[in-house]
N, C-alpha and C. Protein backbone atom coordinates (compact mmCIF):
# COMPACT_ATOMS: atom_id res chain seq x y z
N MET A 1 23.12 29.67 -5.32
CA MET A 1 22.50 28.51 -5.93
C MET A 1 22.59 27.33 -4.96
N ALA A 2 21.50 26.61 -4.81
CA ALA A 2 21.43 25.49 -3.87
C ALA A 2 22.13 24.26 -4.42
N VAL A 3 22.68 23.50 -3.51
CA VAL A 3 23.32 22.25 -3.88
C VAL A 3 22.23 21.23 -4.21
N PRO A 4 22.37 20.46 -5.31
CA PRO A 4 21.35 19.48 -5.64
C PRO A 4 21.18 18.48 -4.50
N GLY A 5 19.91 18.18 -4.20
CA GLY A 5 19.62 17.21 -3.14
C GLY A 5 19.52 17.84 -1.76
N SER A 6 19.82 19.14 -1.62
CA SER A 6 19.77 19.77 -0.30
C SER A 6 18.48 20.56 -0.09
N SER A 7 17.56 20.47 -1.01
CA SER A 7 16.31 21.22 -0.91
C SER A 7 15.45 20.72 0.24
N ASN A 8 14.92 21.65 1.03
CA ASN A 8 14.03 21.28 2.12
C ASN A 8 12.74 20.68 1.61
N ALA A 9 12.29 21.09 0.43
CA ALA A 9 11.06 20.55 -0.13
C ALA A 9 11.20 19.05 -0.41
N ARG A 10 12.38 18.63 -0.84
CA ARG A 10 12.59 17.22 -1.14
C ARG A 10 12.85 16.41 0.13
N SER A 11 13.32 17.03 1.19
CA SER A 11 13.64 16.28 2.39
C SER A 11 12.45 16.15 3.32
N SER A 12 11.35 16.80 2.99
CA SER A 12 10.15 16.74 3.80
C SER A 12 9.08 15.94 3.08
N LEU A 13 8.35 15.11 3.83
CA LEU A 13 7.26 14.31 3.27
C LEU A 13 6.00 14.60 4.07
N ILE A 14 4.96 15.06 3.39
CA ILE A 14 3.67 15.30 4.04
C ILE A 14 2.64 14.42 3.35
N VAL A 15 1.96 13.60 4.16
CA VAL A 15 0.94 12.69 3.64
C VAL A 15 -0.38 13.02 4.32
N GLN A 16 -1.41 13.25 3.50
CA GLN A 16 -2.73 13.60 4.04
C GLN A 16 -3.40 12.35 4.59
N LEU A 17 -4.07 12.51 5.73
CA LEU A 17 -4.80 11.42 6.36
C LEU A 17 -6.29 11.56 6.07
N SER A 18 -6.99 10.47 6.22
CA SER A 18 -8.44 10.46 6.04
C SER A 18 -9.10 10.11 7.37
N PRO A 19 -9.52 11.12 8.15
CA PRO A 19 -10.09 10.86 9.46
C PRO A 19 -11.35 10.00 9.42
N THR A 20 -12.07 10.01 8.30
CA THR A 20 -13.31 9.25 8.23
C THR A 20 -13.06 7.75 8.20
N LYS A 21 -11.83 7.32 7.91
CA LYS A 21 -11.55 5.89 7.92
C LYS A 21 -11.66 5.30 9.31
N SER A 22 -11.44 6.08 10.34
CA SER A 22 -11.52 5.57 11.70
C SER A 22 -12.73 6.09 12.46
N ALA A 23 -13.60 6.82 11.79
CA ALA A 23 -14.78 7.39 12.45
C ALA A 23 -15.87 6.33 12.61
N LYS A 24 -16.66 6.48 13.65
CA LYS A 24 -17.77 5.54 13.88
C LYS A 24 -18.87 5.75 12.85
N LEU A 25 -19.07 6.98 12.41
CA LEU A 25 -20.01 7.29 11.35
C LEU A 25 -19.23 7.84 10.16
N SER A 26 -19.55 7.39 8.97
CA SER A 26 -18.83 7.87 7.80
C SER A 26 -19.14 9.35 7.56
N PHE A 27 -18.31 9.98 6.75
CA PHE A 27 -18.49 11.39 6.43
C PHE A 27 -19.86 11.63 5.79
N THR A 28 -20.27 10.74 4.90
CA THR A 28 -21.56 10.89 4.23
C THR A 28 -22.71 10.85 5.24
N VAL A 29 -22.66 9.93 6.18
CA VAL A 29 -23.71 9.83 7.19
C VAL A 29 -23.70 11.08 8.06
N GLN A 30 -22.52 11.56 8.43
CA GLN A 30 -22.44 12.78 9.25
C GLN A 30 -23.05 13.97 8.51
N ILE A 31 -22.73 14.11 7.23
CA ILE A 31 -23.28 15.22 6.44
C ILE A 31 -24.79 15.10 6.31
N ILE A 32 -25.30 13.91 6.02
CA ILE A 32 -26.74 13.72 5.87
C ILE A 32 -27.48 14.05 7.17
N LEU A 33 -26.96 13.55 8.30
CA LEU A 33 -27.60 13.85 9.58
C LEU A 33 -27.57 15.34 9.89
N THR A 34 -26.45 15.98 9.59
CA THR A 34 -26.33 17.42 9.84
C THR A 34 -27.27 18.21 8.93
N LEU A 35 -27.41 17.79 7.67
CA LEU A 35 -28.33 18.49 6.76
C LEU A 35 -29.79 18.31 7.22
N PHE A 36 -30.13 17.13 7.72
CA PHE A 36 -31.47 16.96 8.30
C PHE A 36 -31.67 17.88 9.50
N TRP A 37 -30.64 17.99 10.32
CA TRP A 37 -30.70 18.86 11.49
C TRP A 37 -30.93 20.31 11.05
N LEU A 38 -30.14 20.74 10.04
CA LEU A 38 -30.31 22.10 9.52
C LEU A 38 -31.70 22.32 8.93
N ALA A 39 -32.19 21.34 8.18
CA ALA A 39 -33.52 21.46 7.58
C ALA A 39 -34.60 21.56 8.66
N TRP A 40 -34.44 20.77 9.69
CA TRP A 40 -35.41 20.81 10.80
C TRP A 40 -35.39 22.18 11.48
N ALA A 41 -34.18 22.70 11.72
CA ALA A 41 -34.06 24.01 12.37
C ALA A 41 -34.66 25.10 11.49
N VAL A 42 -34.43 25.04 10.19
CA VAL A 42 -35.00 26.04 9.28
C VAL A 42 -36.52 25.93 9.27
N MET A 43 -37.02 24.68 9.27
CA MET A 43 -38.47 24.48 9.29
C MET A 43 -39.07 25.08 10.57
N LEU A 44 -38.41 24.88 11.69
CA LEU A 44 -38.90 25.46 12.95
C LEU A 44 -38.92 26.99 12.88
N LEU A 45 -37.87 27.56 12.30
CA LEU A 45 -37.81 29.03 12.20
C LEU A 45 -38.88 29.58 11.26
N VAL A 46 -39.10 28.90 10.14
CA VAL A 46 -40.06 29.38 9.14
C VAL A 46 -41.49 29.25 9.64
N THR A 47 -41.78 28.16 10.34
CA THR A 47 -43.16 27.93 10.79
C THR A 47 -43.50 28.62 12.11
N ASP A 48 -42.52 29.26 12.74
CA ASP A 48 -42.76 29.97 14.00
C ASP A 48 -43.50 31.26 13.72
N ASP A 49 -44.75 31.34 14.15
CA ASP A 49 -45.58 32.52 13.89
C ASP A 49 -45.23 33.69 14.81
N SER A 50 -44.84 33.38 16.03
CA SER A 50 -44.60 34.46 16.99
C SER A 50 -43.28 35.18 16.75
N GLY A 51 -42.28 34.48 16.25
CA GLY A 51 -40.97 35.09 16.02
C GLY A 51 -40.25 35.42 17.30
N GLN A 52 -40.75 34.94 18.41
CA GLN A 52 -40.17 35.27 19.70
C GLN A 52 -39.37 34.13 20.33
N ASN A 53 -39.36 32.97 19.70
CA ASN A 53 -38.72 31.82 20.32
C ASN A 53 -37.23 31.79 19.97
N TYR A 54 -36.40 32.23 20.87
CA TYR A 54 -34.96 32.29 20.63
C TYR A 54 -34.30 30.91 20.62
N LEU A 55 -34.96 29.91 21.22
CA LEU A 55 -34.38 28.56 21.22
C LEU A 55 -34.25 27.98 19.81
N TYR A 56 -35.15 28.37 18.90
CA TYR A 56 -35.04 27.92 17.52
C TYR A 56 -33.77 28.48 16.87
N TYR A 57 -33.45 29.71 17.21
CA TYR A 57 -32.23 30.32 16.67
C TYR A 57 -30.98 29.65 17.25
N VAL A 58 -31.04 29.30 18.51
CA VAL A 58 -29.92 28.57 19.14
C VAL A 58 -29.77 27.21 18.48
N PHE A 59 -30.87 26.52 18.26
CA PHE A 59 -30.87 25.21 17.62
C PHE A 59 -30.27 25.31 16.21
N PHE A 60 -30.65 26.33 15.46
CA PHE A 60 -30.11 26.56 14.12
C PHE A 60 -28.62 26.90 14.18
N GLY A 61 -28.24 27.73 15.13
CA GLY A 61 -26.82 28.09 15.27
C GLY A 61 -25.96 26.88 15.60
N LEU A 62 -26.44 26.02 16.49
CA LEU A 62 -25.69 24.80 16.83
C LEU A 62 -25.57 23.87 15.62
N ALA A 63 -26.62 23.80 14.83
CA ALA A 63 -26.58 22.98 13.61
C ALA A 63 -25.53 23.51 12.64
N LEU A 64 -25.47 24.83 12.48
CA LEU A 64 -24.46 25.44 11.60
C LEU A 64 -23.04 25.20 12.12
N ILE A 65 -22.86 25.32 13.41
CA ILE A 65 -21.54 25.09 14.01
C ILE A 65 -21.11 23.64 13.80
N PHE A 66 -22.03 22.69 14.02
CA PHE A 66 -21.69 21.29 13.83
C PHE A 66 -21.41 20.98 12.37
N PHE A 67 -22.19 21.57 11.46
CA PHE A 67 -21.95 21.38 10.03
C PHE A 67 -20.55 21.87 9.66
N THR A 68 -20.18 23.04 10.15
CA THR A 68 -18.83 23.58 9.89
C THR A 68 -17.76 22.66 10.45
N TYR A 69 -17.97 22.14 11.64
CA TYR A 69 -17.01 21.22 12.27
C TYR A 69 -16.82 19.96 11.41
N VAL A 70 -17.93 19.37 10.95
CA VAL A 70 -17.85 18.14 10.15
C VAL A 70 -17.11 18.41 8.85
N VAL A 71 -17.41 19.52 8.21
CA VAL A 71 -16.75 19.85 6.93
C VAL A 71 -15.25 20.12 7.15
N LEU A 72 -14.91 20.90 8.18
CA LEU A 72 -13.50 21.19 8.45
C LEU A 72 -12.72 19.93 8.80
N GLN A 73 -13.32 19.06 9.57
CA GLN A 73 -12.63 17.88 10.06
C GLN A 73 -12.38 16.86 8.96
N ASN A 74 -13.23 16.81 7.94
CA ASN A 74 -13.19 15.71 6.98
C ASN A 74 -12.84 16.11 5.55
N THR A 75 -12.67 17.38 5.28
CA THR A 75 -12.32 17.80 3.92
C THR A 75 -11.09 18.70 3.98
N SER A 76 -10.54 18.98 2.83
CA SER A 76 -9.38 19.86 2.78
C SER A 76 -9.73 21.19 2.14
N ILE A 77 -10.92 21.70 2.44
CA ILE A 77 -11.36 22.99 1.90
C ILE A 77 -10.41 24.11 2.30
N PHE A 78 -9.96 24.10 3.54
CA PHE A 78 -9.06 25.14 4.03
C PHE A 78 -7.63 24.62 4.16
N GLY A 79 -7.24 23.70 3.30
CA GLY A 79 -5.92 23.11 3.35
C GLY A 79 -5.94 21.78 4.07
N VAL A 80 -4.82 21.11 4.06
CA VAL A 80 -4.71 19.80 4.68
C VAL A 80 -4.73 19.98 6.21
N GLN A 81 -5.68 19.34 6.86
CA GLN A 81 -5.82 19.47 8.31
C GLN A 81 -5.36 18.24 9.06
N SER A 82 -5.40 17.08 8.42
CA SER A 82 -4.97 15.83 9.05
C SER A 82 -3.82 15.28 8.21
N TYR A 83 -2.66 15.12 8.84
CA TYR A 83 -1.51 14.71 8.06
C TYR A 83 -0.44 14.07 8.95
N ILE A 84 0.48 13.39 8.27
CA ILE A 84 1.73 12.95 8.88
C ILE A 84 2.84 13.63 8.09
N GLU A 85 3.75 14.25 8.80
CA GLU A 85 4.88 14.92 8.16
C GLU A 85 6.16 14.30 8.70
N VAL A 86 7.04 13.89 7.78
CA VAL A 86 8.31 13.30 8.16
C VAL A 86 9.42 14.14 7.54
N THR A 87 10.28 14.72 8.38
CA THR A 87 11.41 15.52 7.93
C THR A 87 12.66 14.99 8.61
N PRO A 88 13.85 15.44 8.20
CA PRO A 88 15.08 15.00 8.87
C PRO A 88 15.18 15.48 10.32
N GLN A 89 14.37 16.44 10.75
CA GLN A 89 14.44 16.96 12.12
C GLN A 89 13.35 16.42 13.04
N TYR A 90 12.18 16.06 12.49
CA TYR A 90 11.06 15.65 13.33
C TYR A 90 10.04 14.84 12.55
N ILE A 91 9.15 14.19 13.30
CA ILE A 91 7.97 13.52 12.75
C ILE A 91 6.77 14.14 13.44
N VAL A 92 5.77 14.54 12.64
CA VAL A 92 4.57 15.17 13.18
C VAL A 92 3.35 14.40 12.69
N GLN A 93 2.41 14.19 13.61
CA GLN A 93 1.11 13.65 13.21
C GLN A 93 0.04 14.57 13.78
N LYS A 94 -0.87 15.02 12.90
CA LYS A 94 -1.99 15.87 13.31
C LYS A 94 -3.26 15.23 12.80
N TYR A 95 -4.24 15.08 13.69
CA TYR A 95 -5.47 14.37 13.35
C TYR A 95 -6.59 15.26 12.85
N GLY A 96 -6.48 16.56 12.95
CA GLY A 96 -7.54 17.43 12.46
C GLY A 96 -7.40 18.84 12.97
N VAL A 97 -8.38 19.67 12.59
CA VAL A 97 -8.33 21.10 12.88
C VAL A 97 -8.25 21.38 14.37
N PHE A 98 -9.07 20.74 15.15
CA PHE A 98 -9.17 21.05 16.57
C PHE A 98 -8.41 20.06 17.44
N ARG A 99 -7.46 19.36 16.86
CA ARG A 99 -6.69 18.36 17.59
C ARG A 99 -5.23 18.81 17.70
N THR A 100 -4.54 18.33 18.73
CA THR A 100 -3.15 18.73 18.93
C THR A 100 -2.22 17.95 18.00
N LYS A 101 -1.07 18.53 17.75
CA LYS A 101 -0.04 17.86 16.97
C LYS A 101 0.78 16.97 17.89
N HIS A 102 1.19 15.81 17.37
CA HIS A 102 2.12 14.95 18.08
C HIS A 102 3.46 15.11 17.37
N ILE A 103 4.43 15.71 18.06
CA ILE A 103 5.72 16.01 17.46
C ILE A 103 6.79 15.17 18.15
N ILE A 104 7.61 14.51 17.32
CA ILE A 104 8.72 13.71 17.83
C ILE A 104 9.99 14.21 17.16
N ALA A 105 10.92 14.67 17.96
CA ALA A 105 12.20 15.13 17.43
C ALA A 105 13.05 13.91 17.07
N ILE A 106 13.67 13.92 15.91
CA ILE A 106 14.48 12.79 15.44
C ILE A 106 15.64 12.49 16.39
N PRO A 107 16.38 13.50 16.92
CA PRO A 107 17.48 13.18 17.83
C PRO A 107 17.04 12.49 19.12
N ASP A 108 15.75 12.60 19.48
CA ASP A 108 15.24 11.97 20.71
C ASP A 108 14.80 10.52 20.51
N ILE A 109 14.89 10.02 19.28
CA ILE A 109 14.40 8.67 18.99
C ILE A 109 15.47 7.63 19.31
N LYS A 110 15.06 6.62 20.06
CA LYS A 110 15.93 5.48 20.38
C LYS A 110 15.70 4.34 19.39
N SER A 111 14.43 4.04 19.11
CA SER A 111 14.11 2.98 18.14
C SER A 111 12.72 3.22 17.55
N VAL A 112 12.48 2.61 16.39
CA VAL A 112 11.18 2.68 15.73
C VAL A 112 10.81 1.28 15.27
N HIS A 113 9.60 0.88 15.58
CA HIS A 113 9.06 -0.38 15.07
C HIS A 113 8.01 -0.02 14.04
N VAL A 114 8.19 -0.50 12.81
CA VAL A 114 7.26 -0.21 11.72
C VAL A 114 6.37 -1.43 11.53
N SER A 115 5.08 -1.23 11.69
CA SER A 115 4.11 -2.30 11.44
C SER A 115 3.18 -1.83 10.33
N PRO A 116 2.34 -2.71 9.80
CA PRO A 116 1.44 -2.28 8.72
C PRO A 116 0.47 -1.18 9.14
N TYR A 117 0.17 -1.08 10.43
CA TYR A 117 -0.83 -0.13 10.90
C TYR A 117 -0.28 1.04 11.68
N ALA A 118 1.01 1.01 12.05
CA ALA A 118 1.50 2.05 12.96
C ALA A 118 3.02 2.16 12.92
N LEU A 119 3.47 3.29 13.44
CA LEU A 119 4.88 3.47 13.79
C LEU A 119 4.92 3.55 15.31
N ARG A 120 5.64 2.65 15.94
CA ARG A 120 5.80 2.71 17.40
C ARG A 120 7.20 3.24 17.66
N VAL A 121 7.26 4.43 18.20
CA VAL A 121 8.52 5.13 18.43
C VAL A 121 8.86 5.05 19.91
N THR A 122 10.08 4.56 20.21
CA THR A 122 10.59 4.58 21.58
C THR A 122 11.62 5.69 21.65
N GLN A 123 11.39 6.63 22.57
CA GLN A 123 12.31 7.74 22.69
C GLN A 123 13.43 7.39 23.66
N LYS A 124 14.46 8.23 23.70
CA LYS A 124 15.62 7.95 24.54
C LYS A 124 15.29 7.94 26.03
N ASP A 125 14.22 8.61 26.43
CA ASP A 125 13.79 8.56 27.83
C ASP A 125 12.84 7.38 28.10
N ASP A 126 12.79 6.43 27.16
CA ASP A 126 11.99 5.20 27.21
C ASP A 126 10.48 5.44 27.17
N SER A 127 10.04 6.63 26.81
CA SER A 127 8.61 6.84 26.58
C SER A 127 8.29 6.34 25.17
N LYS A 128 7.08 5.85 25.01
CA LYS A 128 6.67 5.30 23.71
C LYS A 128 5.57 6.15 23.11
N VAL A 129 5.67 6.35 21.79
CA VAL A 129 4.67 7.11 21.06
C VAL A 129 4.16 6.23 19.93
N TYR A 130 2.85 6.15 19.81
CA TYR A 130 2.20 5.33 18.80
C TYR A 130 1.62 6.26 17.74
N LEU A 131 2.12 6.15 16.51
CA LEU A 131 1.59 6.96 15.41
C LEU A 131 0.75 6.05 14.52
N ASP A 132 -0.54 6.32 14.46
CA ASP A 132 -1.50 5.49 13.74
C ASP A 132 -1.38 5.73 12.23
N LEU A 133 -1.24 4.64 11.46
CA LEU A 133 -1.17 4.74 10.01
C LEU A 133 -2.42 4.22 9.32
N LYS A 134 -3.45 3.89 10.08
CA LYS A 134 -4.69 3.37 9.50
C LYS A 134 -5.39 4.40 8.62
N GLN A 135 -5.15 5.67 8.91
CA GLN A 135 -5.85 6.73 8.19
C GLN A 135 -5.14 7.17 6.91
N VAL A 136 -3.99 6.56 6.60
CA VAL A 136 -3.29 6.92 5.37
C VAL A 136 -4.15 6.46 4.19
N ARG A 137 -4.40 7.36 3.26
CA ARG A 137 -5.36 7.09 2.18
C ARG A 137 -4.86 6.07 1.16
N LYS A 138 -3.61 6.17 0.76
CA LYS A 138 -3.12 5.34 -0.34
C LYS A 138 -1.99 4.44 0.13
N LYS A 139 -1.93 3.26 -0.45
CA LYS A 139 -0.87 2.31 -0.11
C LYS A 139 0.50 2.88 -0.50
N ARG A 140 0.54 3.62 -1.61
CA ARG A 140 1.78 4.24 -2.06
C ARG A 140 2.29 5.26 -1.02
N ASP A 141 1.37 6.03 -0.43
CA ASP A 141 1.75 6.99 0.60
C ASP A 141 2.27 6.29 1.85
N LEU A 142 1.67 5.16 2.18
CA LEU A 142 2.12 4.38 3.32
C LEU A 142 3.56 3.90 3.11
N GLU A 143 3.84 3.45 1.91
CA GLU A 143 5.21 3.02 1.58
C GLU A 143 6.19 4.19 1.61
N LYS A 144 5.75 5.36 1.17
CA LYS A 144 6.61 6.55 1.22
C LYS A 144 7.00 6.88 2.66
N ILE A 145 6.02 6.81 3.57
CA ILE A 145 6.29 7.09 4.98
C ILE A 145 7.31 6.09 5.53
N LYS A 146 7.08 4.81 5.26
CA LYS A 146 7.98 3.77 5.78
C LYS A 146 9.39 3.94 5.21
N ASN A 147 9.49 4.21 3.92
CA ASN A 147 10.82 4.39 3.31
C ASN A 147 11.53 5.62 3.85
N LYS A 148 10.79 6.70 4.09
CA LYS A 148 11.39 7.92 4.65
C LYS A 148 11.91 7.66 6.06
N VAL A 149 11.14 6.92 6.87
CA VAL A 149 11.59 6.60 8.23
C VAL A 149 12.82 5.70 8.17
N LYS A 150 12.86 4.77 7.23
CA LYS A 150 14.04 3.91 7.07
C LYS A 150 15.27 4.73 6.69
N ASP A 151 15.09 5.68 5.79
CA ASP A 151 16.21 6.53 5.38
C ASP A 151 16.71 7.37 6.56
N ILE A 152 15.80 7.90 7.34
CA ILE A 152 16.18 8.72 8.50
C ILE A 152 16.88 7.85 9.55
N ALA A 153 16.42 6.61 9.71
CA ALA A 153 17.05 5.69 10.66
C ALA A 153 18.49 5.40 10.25
N ALA A 154 18.72 5.23 8.95
CA ALA A 154 20.07 4.96 8.47
C ALA A 154 20.98 6.16 8.70
N VAL A 155 20.48 7.35 8.52
CA VAL A 155 21.28 8.55 8.70
C VAL A 155 21.56 8.83 10.18
N ASN A 156 20.54 8.67 11.03
CA ASN A 156 20.67 9.04 12.44
C ASN A 156 21.06 7.89 13.35
N GLY A 157 21.06 6.68 12.85
CA GLY A 157 21.57 5.54 13.60
C GLY A 157 20.68 5.03 14.73
N PHE A 158 19.38 5.22 14.66
CA PHE A 158 18.53 4.60 15.67
C PHE A 158 18.03 3.25 15.16
N ALA A 159 17.68 2.37 16.10
CA ALA A 159 17.26 1.01 15.77
C ALA A 159 15.92 1.04 15.03
N LEU A 160 15.81 0.18 14.02
CA LEU A 160 14.58 0.09 13.24
C LEU A 160 14.21 -1.37 13.09
N SER A 161 13.00 -1.71 13.47
CA SER A 161 12.50 -3.07 13.27
C SER A 161 11.20 -2.98 12.50
N GLU A 162 10.85 -4.08 11.83
CA GLU A 162 9.66 -4.04 10.99
C GLU A 162 8.96 -5.39 11.04
N SER A 163 7.64 -5.34 11.19
CA SER A 163 6.86 -6.57 11.08
C SER A 163 6.29 -6.62 9.68
N THR A 164 6.12 -7.82 9.17
CA THR A 164 5.73 -7.98 7.77
C THR A 164 4.32 -8.51 7.59
N ALA A 165 3.46 -8.36 8.58
CA ALA A 165 2.07 -8.80 8.45
C ALA A 165 1.39 -8.00 7.36
N ASN A 166 0.48 -8.64 6.66
CA ASN A 166 -0.21 -7.97 5.56
C ASN A 166 -1.27 -7.02 6.08
N ARG A 167 -1.41 -5.91 5.38
CA ARG A 167 -2.44 -4.92 5.71
C ARG A 167 -3.66 -5.21 4.85
N PRO A 168 -4.86 -5.23 5.45
CA PRO A 168 -6.07 -5.51 4.66
C PRO A 168 -6.38 -4.40 3.68
């Protein structure tokens, strides 16, 4: 039987990010443009009398690939793809399906500066890592991340500073 409070599920915090908050085109615009692209490709295929033009099939295939990319990048159909995870051992930020994870081991942290938009982590080798919090969907989730980092700082003894500027 596990000791109360020692559960790994309770010591880990995963917060889903919204990549479309920082995108130049919103998810809706991306989907609409991709659907127009698909419709155009289908129209080209249907109206082609010769059936010999392979470029139309390439055009349609590229449209399908881009549509899949947009859906995977911006929705959680296949699970959470963009997230920040804070555990007693590490902090991870992943921006999407085809993006790399940024992993910071807690023992390697020298200090953390918490601002309304980011966590700026200084590691013991004096390298700095910037974790963007602009994509956090809910204000409550943002507070959960900050409180979890504060708790970890108290346990592991690294310096923690915080700016109090308001987030829009």
